Amino acid sequence: MKLMLMIFFTLTLCACTTAVQNWTRTDGRTTDMAHDKAQCQYEAKGATASYHSSPSANDETHGMGNAVGDGIIIAEKQVELVNDCMHLKGYVGE
């Protein structure tokens, strides 16, 4: 039951961050948006590769709950990092 509550609250928090689907340049320059986005995604994955929550308990329930929670937190952080990176490169999300 605790695991289900934790998953519910974590999923509720995920609604706070959304990935931008359409990016445009603010300066009107034509650049390879796909390349810039791929580079930002690569950097975001590298920045979150070593993330883990506090050590889990010895039973499987807590370990699985931490893994699910960590996965959601990592995905949310990656979206934030990609959005920030694209903004720094001069893009605006629509």
PDB file of N, CA and C in Angstrom:
ATOM      1  N   MET A   1       0.825  -1.186   0.000  1.00  0.00           N
ATOM      2  CA  MET A   1       0.000   0.000   0.000  1.00  0.00           C
ATOM      3  C   MET A   1       0.877   1.261   0.000  1.00  0.00           C
ATOM      4  N   LYS A   2       1.948   1.229   0.785  1.00  0.00           N
ATOM      5  CA  LYS A   2       2.841   2.386   0.819  1.00  0.00           C
ATOM      6  C   LYS A   2       3.470   2.622  -0.550  1.00  0.00           C
ATOM      7  N   LEU A   3       3.807   1.521  -1.217  1.00  0.00           N
ATOM      8  CA  LEU A   3       4.402   1.633  -2.544  1.00  0.00           C
ATOM      9  C   LEU A   3       3.430   2.298  -3.512  1.00  0.00           C
ATOM     10  N   MET A   4       2.177   1.903  -3.472  1.00  0.00           N
ATOM     11  CA  MET A   4       1.173   2.483  -4.359  1.00  0.00           C
ATOM     12  C   MET A   4       0.991   3.978  -4.086  1.00  0.00           C
ATOM     13  N   LEU A   5       0.984   4.358  -2.816  1.00  0.00           N
ATOM     14  CA  LEU A   5       0.850   5.772  -2.474  1.00  0.00           C
ATOM     15  C   LEU A   5       2.054   6.572  -2.967  1.00  0.00           C
ATOM     16  N   MET A   6       3.240   6.005  -2.808  1.00  0.00           N
ATOM     17  CA  MET A   6       4.439   6.691  -3.255  1.00  0.00           C
ATOM     18  C   MET A   6       4.417   6.874  -4.774  1.00  0.00           C
ATOM     19  N   ILE A   7       4.012   5.837  -5.495  1.00  0.00           N
ATOM     20  CA  ILE A   7       3.934   5.928  -6.951  1.00  0.00           C
ATOM     21  C   ILE A   7       2.906   6.975  -7.360  1.00  0.00           C
ATOM     22  N   PHE A   8       1.760   6.993  -6.688  1.00  0.00           N
ATOM     23  CA  PHE A   8       0.717   7.968  -6.998  1.00  0.00           C
ATOM     24  C   PHE A   8       1.226   9.395  -6.815  1.00  0.00           C
ATOM     25  N   PHE A   9       1.852   9.666  -5.689  1.00  0.00           N
ATOM     26  CA  PHE A   9       2.339  11.019  -5.428  1.00  0.00           C
ATOM     27  C   PHE A   9       3.473  11.403  -6.375  1.00  0.00           C
ATOM     28  N   THR A  10       4.309  10.454  -6.716  1.00  0.00           N
ATOM     29  CA  THR A  10       5.402  10.738  -7.639  1.00  0.00           C
ATOM     30  C   THR A  10       4.862  11.053  -9.027  1.00  0.00           C
ATOM     31  N   LEU A  11       3.879  10.282  -9.481  1.00  0.00           N
ATOM     32  CA  LEU A  11       3.283  10.547 -10.787  1.00  0.00           C
ATOM     33  C   LEU A  11       2.563  11.888 -10.808  1.00  0.00           C
ATOM     34  N   THR A  12       1.984  12.251  -9.696  1.00  0.00           N
ATOM     35  CA  THR A  12       1.327  13.549  -9.602  1.00  0.00           C
ATOM     36  C   THR A  12       2.340  14.672  -9.788  1.00  0.00           C
ATOM     37  N   LEU A  13       3.511  14.518  -9.217  1.00  0.00           N
ATOM     38  CA  LEU A  13       4.556  15.531  -9.356  1.00  0.00           C
ATOM     39  C   LEU A  13       5.098  15.609 -10.775  1.00  0.00           C
ATOM     40  N   CYS A  14       5.032  14.508 -11.512  1.00  0.00           N
ATOM     41  CA  CYS A  14       5.563  14.493 -12.875  1.00  0.00           C
ATOM     42  C   CYS A  14       4.794  15.420 -13.801  1.00  0.00           C
ATOM     43  N   ALA A  15       3.578  15.731 -13.455  1.00  0.00           N
ATOM     44  CA  ALA A  15       2.786  16.624 -14.294  1.00  0.00           C
ATOM     45  C   ALA A  15       3.351  18.039 -14.291  1.00  0.00           C
ATOM     46  N   CYS A  16       4.263  18.334 -13.395  1.00  0.00           N
ATOM     47  CA  CYS A  16       4.820  19.685 -13.280  1.00  0.00           C
ATOM     48  C   CYS A  16       5.784  20.013 -14.415  1.00  0.00           C
ATOM     49  N   THR A  17       6.448  19.047 -14.984  1.00  0.00           N
ATOM     50  CA  THR A  17       7.442  19.278 -16.018  1.00  0.00           C
ATOM     51  C   THR A  17       7.001  18.607 -17.304  1.00  0.00           C
ATOM     52  N   THR A  18       6.975  19.363 -18.390  1.00  0.00           N
ATOM     53  CA  THR A  18       6.589  18.785 -19.672  1.00  0.00           C
ATOM     54  C   THR A  18       7.675  19.074 -20.693  1.00  0.00           C
ATOM     55  N   ALA A  19       7.872  18.127 -21.576  1.00  0.00           N
ATOM     56  CA  ALA A  19       8.858  18.289 -22.634  1.00  0.00           C
ATOM     57  C   ALA A  19       8.274  19.169 -23.736  1.00  0.00           C
ATOM     58  N   VAL A  20       9.079  20.065 -24.254  1.00  0.00           N
ATOM     59  CA  VAL A  20       8.658  20.930 -25.353  1.00  0.00           C
ATOM     60  C   VAL A  20       8.820  20.152 -26.649  1.00  0.00           C
ATOM     61  N   GLN A  21       7.801  20.168 -27.485  1.00  0.00           N
ATOM     62  CA  GLN A  21       7.841  19.414 -28.739  1.00  0.00           C
ATOM     63  C   GLN A  21       8.360  20.245 -29.908  1.00  0.00           C
ATOM     64  N   ASN A  22       8.011  21.527 -29.958  1.00  0.00           N
ATOM     65  CA  ASN A  22       8.400  22.387 -31.077  1.00  0.00           C
ATOM     66  C   ASN A  22       9.298  23.518 -30.586  1.00  0.00           C
ATOM     67  N   TRP A  23      10.514  23.558 -31.139  1.00  0.00           N
ATOM     68  CA  TRP A  23      11.476  24.593 -30.775  1.00  0.00           C
ATOM     69  C   TRP A  23      11.705  25.499 -31.980  1.00  0.00           C
ATOM     70  N   THR A  24      11.822  26.799 -31.738  1.00  0.00           N
ATOM     71  CA  THR A  24      12.180  27.752 -32.787  1.00  0.00           C
ATOM     72  C   THR A  24      13.264  28.679 -32.247  1.00  0.00           C
ATOM     73  N   ARG A  25      14.071  29.227 -33.156  1.00  0.00           N
ATOM     74  CA  ARG A  25      15.143  30.140 -32.756  1.00  0.00           C
ATOM     75  C   ARG A  25      14.581  31.538 -32.572  1.00  0.00           C
ATOM     76  N   THR A  26      15.035  32.219 -31.537  1.00  0.00           N
ATOM     77  CA  THR A  26      14.576  33.584 -31.287  1.00  0.00           C
ATOM     78  C   THR A  26      15.239  34.584 -32.226  1.00  0.00           C
ATOM     79  N   ASP A  27      16.436  34.253 -32.704  1.00  0.00           N
ATOM     80  CA  ASP A  27      17.163  35.182 -33.571  1.00  0.00           C
ATOM     81  C   ASP A  27      16.900  34.942 -35.055  1.00  0.00           C
ATOM     82  N   GLY A  28      16.089  33.961 -35.386  1.00  0.00           N
ATOM     83  CA  GLY A  28      15.745  33.695 -36.776  1.00  0.00           C
ATOM     84  C   GLY A  28      16.781  32.911 -37.555  1.00  0.00           C
ATOM     85  N   ARG A  29      17.914  32.590 -36.935  1.00  0.00           N
ATOM     86  CA  ARG A  29      18.946  31.812 -37.633  1.00  0.00           C
ATOM     87  C   ARG A  29      18.438  30.403 -37.884  1.00  0.00           C
ATOM     88  N   THR A  30      18.855  29.851 -38.990  1.00  0.00           N
ATOM     89  CA  THR A  30      18.501  28.466 -39.274  1.00  0.00           C
ATOM     90  C   THR A  30      19.663  27.588 -38.839  1.00  0.00           C
ATOM     91  N   THR A  31      19.391  26.727 -37.926  1.00  0.00           N
ATOM     92  CA  THR A  31      20.401  25.788 -37.442  1.00  0.00           C
ATOM     93  C   THR A  31      19.784  24.403 -37.436  1.00  0.00           C
ATOM     94  N   ASP A  32      20.595  23.436 -37.169  1.00  0.00           N
ATOM     95  CA  ASP A  32      20.119  22.058 -37.108  1.00  0.00           C
ATOM     96  C   ASP A  32      19.510  21.803 -35.733  1.00  0.00           C
ATOM     97  N   MET A  33      18.211  22.026 -35.615  1.00  0.00           N
ATOM     98  CA  MET A  33      17.519  21.883 -34.338  1.00  0.00           C
ATOM     99  C   MET A  33      17.621  20.452 -33.814  1.00  0.00           C
ATOM    100  N   ALA A  34      17.516  19.467 -34.709  1.00  0.00           N
ATOM    101  CA  ALA A  34      17.581  18.069 -34.278  1.00  0.00           C
ATOM    102  C   ALA A  34      18.937  17.761 -33.645  1.00  0.00           C
ATOM    103  N   HIS A  35      20.003  18.308 -34.224  1.00  0.00           N
ATOM    104  CA  HIS A  35      21.342  18.089 -33.673  1.00  0.00           C
ATOM    105  C   HIS A  35      21.479  18.743 -32.302  1.00  0.00           C
ATOM    106  N   ASP A  36      21.000  19.982 -32.191  1.00  0.00           N
ATOM    107  CA  ASP A  36      21.078  20.688 -30.910  1.00  0.00           C
ATOM    108  C   ASP A  36      20.282  19.961 -29.832  1.00  0.00           C
ATOM    109  N   LYS A  37      19.092  19.480 -30.184  1.00  0.00           N
ATOM    110  CA  LYS A  37      18.263  18.772 -29.208  1.00  0.00           C
ATOM    111  C   LYS A  37      18.918  17.453 -28.802  1.00  0.00           C
ATOM    112  N   ALA A  38      19.484  16.735 -29.768  1.00  0.00           N
ATOM    113  CA  ALA A  38      20.162  15.475 -29.453  1.00  0.00           C
ATOM    114  C   ALA A  38      21.351  15.718 -28.528  1.00  0.00           C
ATOM    115  N   GLN A  39      22.084  16.802 -28.773  1.00  0.00           N
ATOM    116  CA  GLN A  39      23.219  17.135 -27.913  1.00  0.00           C
ATOM    117  C   GLN A  39      22.740  17.457 -26.498  1.00  0.00           C
ATOM    118  N   CYS A  40      21.652  18.201 -26.382  1.00  0.00           N
ATOM    119  CA  CYS A  40      21.105  18.537 -25.064  1.00  0.00           C
ATOM    120  C   CYS A  40      20.626  17.280 -24.334  1.00  0.00           C
ATOM    121  N   GLN A  41      19.985  16.365 -25.065  1.00  0.00           N
ATOM    122  CA  GLN A  41      19.526  15.120 -24.446  1.00  0.00           C
ATOM    123  C   GLN A  41      20.704  14.281 -23.972  1.00  0.00           C
ATOM    124  N   TYR A  42      21.760  14.225 -24.768  1.00  0.00           N
ATOM    125  CA  TYR A  42      22.955  13.475 -24.391  1.00  0.00           C
ATOM    126  C   TYR A  42      23.566  14.039 -23.112  1.00  0.00           C
ATOM    127  N   GLU A  43      23.669  15.362 -23.049  1.00  0.00           N
ATOM    128  CA  GLU A  43      24.237  16.001 -21.863  1.00  0.00           C
ATOM    129  C   GLU A  43      23.348  15.798 -20.636  1.00  0.00           C
ATOM    130  N   ALA A  44      22.032  15.824 -20.824  1.00  0.00           N
ATOM    131  CA  ALA A  44      21.108  15.618 -19.708  1.00  0.00           C
ATOM    132  C   ALA A  44      21.213  14.194 -19.171  1.00  0.00           C
ATOM    133  N   LYS A  45      21.348  13.227 -20.067  1.00  0.00           N
ATOM    134  CA  LYS A  45      21.497  11.832 -19.623  1.00  0.00           C
ATOM    135  C   LYS A  45      22.804  11.652 -18.861  1.00  0.00           C
ATOM    136  N   GLY A  46      23.854  12.288 -19.334  1.00  0.00           N
ATOM    137  CA  GLY A  46      25.135  12.207 -18.637  1.00  0.00           C
ATOM    138  C   GLY A  46      25.093  12.856 -17.264  1.00  0.00           C
ATOM    139  N   ALA A  47      24.355  13.953 -17.167  1.00  0.00           N
ATOM    140  CA  ALA A  47      24.279  14.675 -15.897  1.00  0.00           C
ATOM    141  C   ALA A  47      23.477  13.922 -14.844  1.00  0.00           C
ATOM    142  N   THR A  48      22.575  13.051 -15.275  1.00  0.00           N
ATOM    143  CA  THR A  48      21.732  12.320 -14.323  1.00  0.00           C
ATOM    144  C   THR A  48      22.113  10.849 -14.204  1.00  0.00           C
ATOM    145  N   ALA A  49      23.189  10.442 -14.846  1.00  0.00           N
ATOM    146  CA  ALA A  49      23.555   9.024 -14.878  1.00  0.00           C
ATOM    147  C   ALA A  49      23.875   8.447 -13.506  1.00  0.00           C
ATOM    148  N   SER A  50      24.416   9.244 -12.624  1.00  0.00           N
ATOM    149  CA  SER A  50      24.832   8.709 -11.323  1.00  0.00           C
ATOM    150  C   SER A  50      23.826   8.979 -10.217  1.00  0.00           C
ATOM    151  N   TYR A  51      22.634   9.466 -10.573  1.00  0.00           N
ATOM    152  CA  TYR A  51      21.646   9.784  -9.533  1.00  0.00           C
ATOM    153  C   TYR A  51      21.087   8.507  -8.914  1.00  0.00           C
ATOM    154  N   HIS A  52      20.960   8.509  -7.607  1.00  0.00           N
ATOM    155  CA  HIS A  52      20.244   7.459  -6.882  1.00  0.00           C
ATOM    156  C   HIS A  52      19.815   8.033  -5.548  1.00  0.00           C
ATOM    157  N   SER A  53      18.706   7.510  -5.067  1.00  0.00           N
ATOM    158  CA  SER A  53      18.210   7.999  -3.781  1.00  0.00           C
ATOM    159  C   SER A  53      18.990   7.336  -2.655  1.00  0.00           C
ATOM    160  N   SER A  54      18.563   7.589  -1.473  1.00  0.00           N
ATOM    161  CA  SER A  54      19.239   6.999  -0.315  1.00  0.00           C
ATOM    162  C   SER A  54      19.201   5.478  -0.397  1.00  0.00           C
ATOM    163  N   PRO A  55      20.123   4.813   0.242  1.00  0.00           N
ATOM    164  CA  PRO A  55      20.152   3.347   0.199  1.00  0.00           C
ATOM    165  C   PRO A  55      18.818   2.761   0.639  1.00  0.00           C
ATOM    166  N   SER A  56      18.383   1.747  -0.093  1.00  0.00           N
ATOM    167  CA  SER A  56      17.075   1.154   0.190  1.00  0.00           C
ATOM    168  C   SER A  56      17.168   0.138   1.321  1.00  0.00           C
ATOM    169  N   ALA A  57      16.015  -0.215   1.821  1.00  0.00           N
ATOM    170  CA  ALA A  57      15.937  -1.241   2.859  1.00  0.00           C
ATOM    171  C   ALA A  57      16.278  -2.594   2.243  1.00  0.00           C
ATOM    172  N   ASN A  58      16.430  -3.584   3.069  1.00  0.00           N
ATOM    173  CA  ASN A  58      16.821  -4.900   2.584  1.00  0.00           C
ATOM    174  C   ASN A  58      15.689  -5.664   1.907  1.00  0.00           C
ATOM    175  N   ASP A  59      14.446  -5.261   2.118  1.00  0.00           N
ATOM    176  CA  ASP A  59      13.367  -6.007   1.475  1.00  0.00           C
ATOM    177  C   ASP A  59      13.122  -5.488   0.055  1.00  0.00           C
ATOM    178  N   GLU A  60      12.485  -6.324  -0.768  1.00  0.00           N
ATOM    179  CA  GLU A  60      12.307  -5.998  -2.180  1.00  0.00           C
ATOM    180  C   GLU A  60      11.319  -4.862  -2.407  1.00  0.00           C
ATOM    181  N   THR A  61      10.350  -4.700  -1.538  1.00  0.00           N
ATOM    182  CA  THR A  61       9.331  -3.670  -1.732  1.00  0.00           C
ATOM    183  C   THR A  61       9.939  -2.279  -1.712  1.00  0.00           C
ATOM    184  N   HIS A  62      10.770  -1.992  -0.732  1.00  0.00           N
ATOM    185  CA  HIS A  62      11.388  -0.669  -0.662  1.00  0.00           C
ATOM    186  C   HIS A  62      12.362  -0.458  -1.815  1.00  0.00           C
ATOM    187  N   GLY A  63      13.097  -1.491  -2.163  1.00  0.00           N
ATOM    188  CA  GLY A  63      14.041  -1.376  -3.270  1.00  0.00           C
ATOM    189  C   GLY A  63      13.338  -1.075  -4.580  1.00  0.00           C
ATOM    190  N   MET A  64      12.219  -1.751  -4.839  1.00  0.00           N
ATOM    191  CA  MET A  64      11.462  -1.514  -6.067  1.00  0.00           C
ATOM    192  C   MET A  64      10.850  -0.120  -6.053  1.00  0.00           C
ATOM    193  N   GLY A  65      10.337   0.288  -4.900  1.00  0.00           N
ATOM    194  CA  GLY A  65       9.762   1.627  -4.787  1.00  0.00           C
ATOM    195  C   GLY A  65      10.793   2.702  -5.051  1.00  0.00           C
ATOM    196  N   ASN A  66      11.991   2.516  -4.525  1.00  0.00           N
ATOM    197  CA  ASN A  66      13.060   3.487  -4.767  1.00  0.00           C
ATOM    198  C   ASN A  66      13.455   3.512  -6.237  1.00  0.00           C
ATOM    199  N   ALA A  67      13.494   2.341  -6.876  1.00  0.00           N
ATOM    200  CA  ALA A  67      13.865   2.285  -8.289  1.00  0.00           C
ATOM    201  C   ALA A  67      12.839   3.009  -9.149  1.00  0.00           C
ATOM    202  N   VAL A  68      11.567   2.794  -8.866  1.00  0.00           N
ATOM    203  CA  VAL A  68      10.509   3.472  -9.621  1.00  0.00           C
ATOM    204  C   VAL A  68      10.587   4.972  -9.384  1.00  0.00           C
ATOM    205  N   GLY A  69      10.711   5.359  -8.128  1.00  0.00           N
ATOM    206  CA  GLY A  69      10.809   6.780  -7.804  1.00  0.00           C
ATOM    207  C   GLY A  69      12.020   7.432  -8.435  1.00  0.00           C
ATOM    208  N   ASP A  70      13.161   6.751  -8.391  1.00  0.00           N
ATOM    209  CA  ASP A  70      14.378   7.287  -9.001  1.00  0.00           C
ATOM    210  C   ASP A  70      14.196   7.470 -10.504  1.00  0.00           C
ATOM    211  N   GLY A  71      13.582   6.487 -11.151  1.00  0.00           N
ATOM    212  CA  GLY A  71      13.367   6.575 -12.597  1.00  0.00           C
ATOM    213  C   GLY A  71      12.518   7.767 -12.979  1.00  0.00           C
ATOM    214  N   ILE A  72      11.485   8.012 -12.207  1.00  0.00           N
ATOM    215  CA  ILE A  72      10.598   9.144 -12.486  1.00  0.00           C
ATOM    216  C   ILE A  72      11.320  10.460 -12.233  1.00  0.00           C
ATOM    217  N   ILE A  73      12.053  10.528 -11.147  1.00  0.00           N
ATOM    218  CA  ILE A  73      12.794  11.756 -10.828  1.00  0.00           C
ATOM    219  C   ILE A  73      13.852  12.036 -11.889  1.00  0.00           C
ATOM    220  N   ILE A  74      14.543  10.995 -12.334  1.00  0.00           N
ATOM    221  CA  ILE A  74      15.571  11.161 -13.366  1.00  0.00           C
ATOM    222  C   ILE A  74      14.947  11.668 -14.663  1.00  0.00           C
ATOM    223  N   ALA A  75      13.828  11.075 -15.068  1.00  0.00           N
ATOM    224  CA  ALA A  75      13.167  11.507 -16.303  1.00  0.00           C
ATOM    225  C   ALA A  75      12.723  12.963 -16.209  1.00  0.00           C
ATOM    226  N   GLU A  76      12.172  13.339 -15.069  1.00  0.00           N
ATOM    227  CA  GLU A  76      11.734  14.724 -14.872  1.00  0.00           C
ATOM    228  C   GLU A  76      12.925  15.683 -14.934  1.00  0.00           C
ATOM    229  N   LYS A  77      14.019  15.317 -14.297  1.00  0.00           N
ATOM    230  CA  LYS A  77      15.216  16.167 -14.298  1.00  0.00           C
ATOM    231  C   LYS A  77      15.801  16.283 -15.704  1.00  0.00           C
ATOM    232  N   GLN A  78      15.779  15.184 -16.464  1.00  0.00           N
ATOM    233  CA  GLN A  78      16.294  15.225 -17.827  1.00  0.00           C
ATOM    234  C   GLN A  78      15.481  16.175 -18.695  1.00  0.00           C
ATOM    235  N   VAL A  79      14.164  16.170 -18.525  1.00  0.00           N
ATOM    236  CA  VAL A  79      13.315  17.096 -19.281  1.00  0.00           C
ATOM    237  C   VAL A  79      13.678  18.538 -18.937  1.00  0.00           C
ATOM    238  N   GLU A  80      13.846  18.818 -17.655  1.00  0.00           N
ATOM    239  CA  GLU A  80      14.223  20.172 -17.230  1.00  0.00           C
ATOM    240  C   GLU A  80      15.572  20.579 -17.824  1.00  0.00           C
ATOM    241  N   LEU A  81      16.538  19.667 -17.784  1.00  0.00           N
ATOM    242  CA  LEU A  81      17.872  19.980 -18.300  1.00  0.00           C
ATOM    243  C   LEU A  81      17.860  20.202 -19.807  1.00  0.00           C
ATOM    244  N   VAL A  82      17.105  19.394 -20.542  1.00  0.00           N
ATOM    245  CA  VAL A  82      17.005  19.572 -21.993  1.00  0.00           C
ATOM    246  C   VAL A  82      16.358  20.919 -22.304  1.00  0.00           C
ATOM    247  N   ASN A  83      15.275  21.239 -21.605  1.00  0.00           N
ATOM    248  CA  ASN A  83      14.616  22.533 -21.823  1.00  0.00           C
ATOM    249  C   ASN A  83      15.571  23.691 -21.543  1.00  0.00           C
ATOM    250  N   ASP A  84      16.302  23.626 -20.438  1.00  0.00           N
ATOM    251  CA  ASP A  84      17.262  24.681 -20.098  1.00  0.00           C
ATOM    252  C   ASP A  84      18.363  24.793 -21.152  1.00  0.00           C
ATOM    253  N   CYS A  85      18.868  23.652 -21.595  1.00  0.00           N
ATOM    254  CA  CYS A  85      19.934  23.626 -22.596  1.00  0.00           C
ATOM    255  C   CYS A  85      19.460  24.256 -23.906  1.00  0.00           C
ATOM    256  N   MET A  86      18.253  23.909 -24.333  1.00  0.00           N
ATOM    257  CA  MET A  86      17.725  24.466 -25.583  1.00  0.00           C
ATOM    258  C   MET A  86      17.514  25.976 -25.461  1.00  0.00           C
ATOM    259  N   HIS A  87      17.068  26.429 -24.304  1.00  0.00           N
ATOM    260  CA  HIS A  87      16.917  27.874 -24.094  1.00  0.00           C
ATOM    261  C   HIS A  87      18.274  28.573 -24.178  1.00  0.00           C
ATOM    262  N   LEU A  88      19.301  27.963 -23.609  1.00  0.00           N
ATOM    263  CA  LEU A  88      20.643  28.551 -23.665  1.00  0.00           C
ATOM    264  C   LEU A  88      21.193  28.599 -25.085  1.00  0.00           C
ATOM    265  N   LYS A  89      20.759  27.678 -25.922  1.00  0.00           N
ATOM    266  CA  LYS A  89      21.201  27.664 -27.319  1.00  0.00           C
ATOM    267  C   LYS A  89      20.413  28.654 -28.178  1.00  0.00           C
ATOM    268  N   GLY A  90      19.436  29.341 -27.567  1.00  0.00           N
ATOM    269  CA  GLY A  90      18.694  30.361 -28.297  1.00  0.00           C
ATOM    270  C   GLY A  90      17.348  29.921 -28.833  1.00  0.00           C
ATOM    271  N   TYR A  91      16.828  28.812 -28.350  1.00  0.00           N
ATOM    272  CA  TYR A  91      15.535  28.313 -28.814  1.00  0.00           C
ATOM    273  C   TYR A  91      14.425  28.717 -27.852  1.00  0.00           C
ATOM    274  N   VAL A  92      13.224  28.809 -28.404  1.00  0.00           N
ATOM    275  CA  VAL A  92      12.031  29.071 -27.611  1.00  0.00           C
ATOM    276  C   VAL A  92      11.063  27.929 -27.868  1.00  0.00           C
ATOM    277  N   GLY A  93      10.508  27.384 -26.799  1.00  0.00           N
ATOM    278  CA  GLY A  93       9.550  26.294 -26.932  1.00  0.00           C
ATOM    279  C   GLY A  93       8.156  26.805 -27.197  1.00  0.00           C
ATOM    280  N   GLU A  94       7.445  26.084 -28.052  1.00  0.00           N
ATOM    281  CA  GLU A  94       6.062  26.454 -28.369  1.00  0.00           C
ATOM    282  C   GLU A  94       5.095  25.469 -27.766  1.00  0.00           C
TER     283      GLU A  94
END
